[in-house]
Amino acid sequence: MQTEVLRELATQRMPFGKYQGVIMADIPIAYLVWMQNKGWPNGPIGEKLALLLEIKHNGLGYLLTPLKERDDSGY
């Protein structure tokens, strides 16, 4: 897995939907499960959301925290 994709999950904002404007890593797992059941959006955003669900489902969300903090602190 490329570090850049993880960094994007920790810094990019959701471009649409109920959580529009929220950092993708902060989207609740329940919403990601709902999206999975409805069908992921096409393209890179759908791939990132599917990866985010996999990360959170396996209890690995903490891996995104340092990337998010690094971005917030200006590094």
C-alpha atoms as a PDB file:
ATOM      1  CA  MET A   1       0.000   0.000   0.000  1.00  0.00           C
ATOM      2  CA  GLN A   2       1.379   3.396  -0.892  1.00  0.00           C
ATOM      3  CA  THR A   3       1.918   5.945   1.849  1.00  0.00           C
ATOM      4  CA  GLU A   4       0.406   8.641  -0.351  1.00  0.00           C
ATOM      5  CA  VAL A   5      -3.000   6.930  -0.340  1.00  0.00           C
ATOM      6  CA  LEU A   6      -2.960   6.766   3.459  1.00  0.00           C
ATOM      7  CA  ARG A   7      -1.955  10.421   3.638  1.00  0.00           C
ATOM      8  CA  GLU A   8      -4.845  11.319   1.324  1.00  0.00           C
ATOM      9  CA  LEU A   9      -7.296   9.457   3.576  1.00  0.00           C
ATOM     10  CA  ALA A  10      -5.955  11.442   6.531  1.00  0.00           C
ATOM     11  CA  THR A  11      -6.104  14.846   4.824  1.00  0.00           C
ATOM     12  CA  GLN A  12      -8.678  14.846   2.010  1.00  0.00           C
ATOM     13  CA  ARG A  13     -12.206  15.994   2.674  1.00  0.00           C
ATOM     14  CA  MET A  14     -15.276  14.067   1.602  1.00  0.00           C
ATOM     15  CA  PRO A  15     -16.504  15.787  -1.589  1.00  0.00           C
ATOM     16  CA  PHE A  16     -20.217  14.879  -1.301  1.00  0.00           C
ATOM     17  CA  GLY A  17     -22.961  13.366   0.812  1.00  0.00           C
ATOM     18  CA  LYS A  18     -23.878  13.568   4.472  1.00  0.00           C
ATOM     19  CA  TYR A  19     -20.242  14.018   5.504  1.00  0.00           C
ATOM     20  CA  GLN A  20     -19.283  16.498   2.795  1.00  0.00           C
ATOM     21  CA  GLY A  21     -16.336  18.580   3.986  1.00  0.00           C
ATOM     22  CA  VAL A  22     -15.292  16.107   6.710  1.00  0.00           C
ATOM     23  CA  ILE A  23     -11.787  14.624   6.622  1.00  0.00           C
ATOM     24  CA  MET A  24     -12.238  11.158   5.130  1.00  0.00           C
ATOM     25  CA  ALA A  25     -10.486   9.433   8.059  1.00  0.00           C
ATOM     26  CA  ASP A  26     -13.116  10.953  10.384  1.00  0.00           C
ATOM     27  CA  ILE A  27     -16.112   9.463   8.560  1.00  0.00           C
ATOM     28  CA  PRO A  28     -17.905   7.004  10.869  1.00  0.00           C
ATOM     29  CA  ILE A  29     -17.649   3.327  10.002  1.00  0.00           C
ATOM     30  CA  ALA A  30     -21.458   3.036   9.982  1.00  0.00           C
ATOM     31  CA  TYR A  31     -21.629   5.482   7.065  1.00  0.00           C
ATOM     32  CA  LEU A  32     -18.916   3.574   5.202  1.00  0.00           C
ATOM     33  CA  VAL A  33     -20.838   0.317   5.673  1.00  0.00           C
ATOM     34  CA  TRP A  34     -23.984   2.034   4.395  1.00  0.00           C
ATOM     35  CA  MET A  35     -22.089   3.269   1.333  1.00  0.00           C
ATOM     36  CA  GLN A  36     -20.699  -0.210   0.714  1.00  0.00           C
ATOM     37  CA  ASN A  37     -24.219  -1.639   0.785  1.00  0.00           C
ATOM     38  CA  LYS A  38     -25.439   1.035  -1.654  1.00  0.00           C
ATOM     39  CA  GLY A  39     -22.418   0.610  -3.926  1.00  0.00           C
ATOM     40  CA  TRP A  40     -19.163   2.528  -3.901  1.00  0.00           C
ATOM     41  CA  PRO A  41     -18.853   5.558  -6.176  1.00  0.00           C
ATOM     42  CA  ASN A  42     -16.832   4.966  -9.328  1.00  0.00           C
ATOM     43  CA  GLY A  43     -13.230   6.009  -9.562  1.00  0.00           C
ATOM     44  CA  PRO A  44     -10.530   6.816  -7.043  1.00  0.00           C
ATOM     45  CA  ILE A  45     -12.926   8.138  -4.400  1.00  0.00           C
ATOM     46  CA  GLY A  46     -14.754   4.815  -4.241  1.00  0.00           C
ATOM     47  CA  GLU A  47     -11.462   2.946  -3.978  1.00  0.00           C
ATOM     48  CA  LYS A  48     -10.306   5.208  -1.149  1.00  0.00           C
ATOM     49  CA  LEU A  49     -13.580   4.836   0.751  1.00  0.00           C
ATOM     50  CA  ALA A  50     -13.453   1.042   0.373  1.00  0.00           C
ATOM     51  CA  LEU A  51      -9.884   1.049   1.681  1.00  0.00           C
ATOM     52  CA  LEU A  52     -10.912   3.293   4.576  1.00  0.00           C
ATOM     53  CA  LEU A  53     -13.670   0.858   5.534  1.00  0.00           C
ATOM     54  CA  GLU A  54     -11.200  -2.033   5.438  1.00  0.00           C
ATOM     55  CA  ILE A  55      -8.753  -0.101   7.619  1.00  0.00           C
ATOM     56  CA  LYS A  56     -11.410   0.839  10.175  1.00  0.00           C
ATOM     57  CA  HIS A  57     -13.074  -2.587  10.153  1.00  0.00           C
ATOM     58  CA  ASN A  58      -9.747  -4.200  11.046  1.00  0.00           C
ATOM     59  CA  GLY A  59      -9.096  -1.723  13.870  1.00  0.00           C
ATOM     60  CA  LEU A  60      -6.257   0.021  12.072  1.00  0.00           C
ATOM     61  CA  GLY A  61      -7.689   3.549  12.022  1.00  0.00           C
ATOM     62  CA  TYR A  62      -4.980   4.623  14.462  1.00  0.00           C
ATOM     63  CA  LEU A  63      -2.487   4.326  11.597  1.00  0.00           C
ATOM     64  CA  LEU A  64      -4.025   7.418   9.989  1.00  0.00           C
ATOM     65  CA  THR A  65      -3.741   9.587  13.123  1.00  0.00           C
ATOM     66  CA  PRO A  66      -0.029  10.462  12.815  1.00  0.00           C
ATOM     67  CA  LEU A  67      -0.520  11.393   9.168  1.00  0.00           C
ATOM     68  CA  LYS A  68      -3.416  13.654  10.071  1.00  0.00           C
ATOM     69  CA  GLU A  69      -1.563  15.284  12.950  1.00  0.00           C
ATOM     70  CA  ARG A  70       1.490  15.843  10.797  1.00  0.00           C
ATOM     71  CA  ASP A  71      -0.661  17.635   8.234  1.00  0.00           C
ATOM     72  CA  ASP A  72      -2.446  19.716  10.913  1.00  0.00           C
ATOM     73  CA  SER A  73       0.846  20.850  12.458  1.00  0.00           C
ATOM     74  CA  GLY A  74       2.249  22.097   9.167  1.00  0.00           C
ATOM     75  CA  TYR A  75       4.838  19.401   8.458  1.00  0.00           C
END
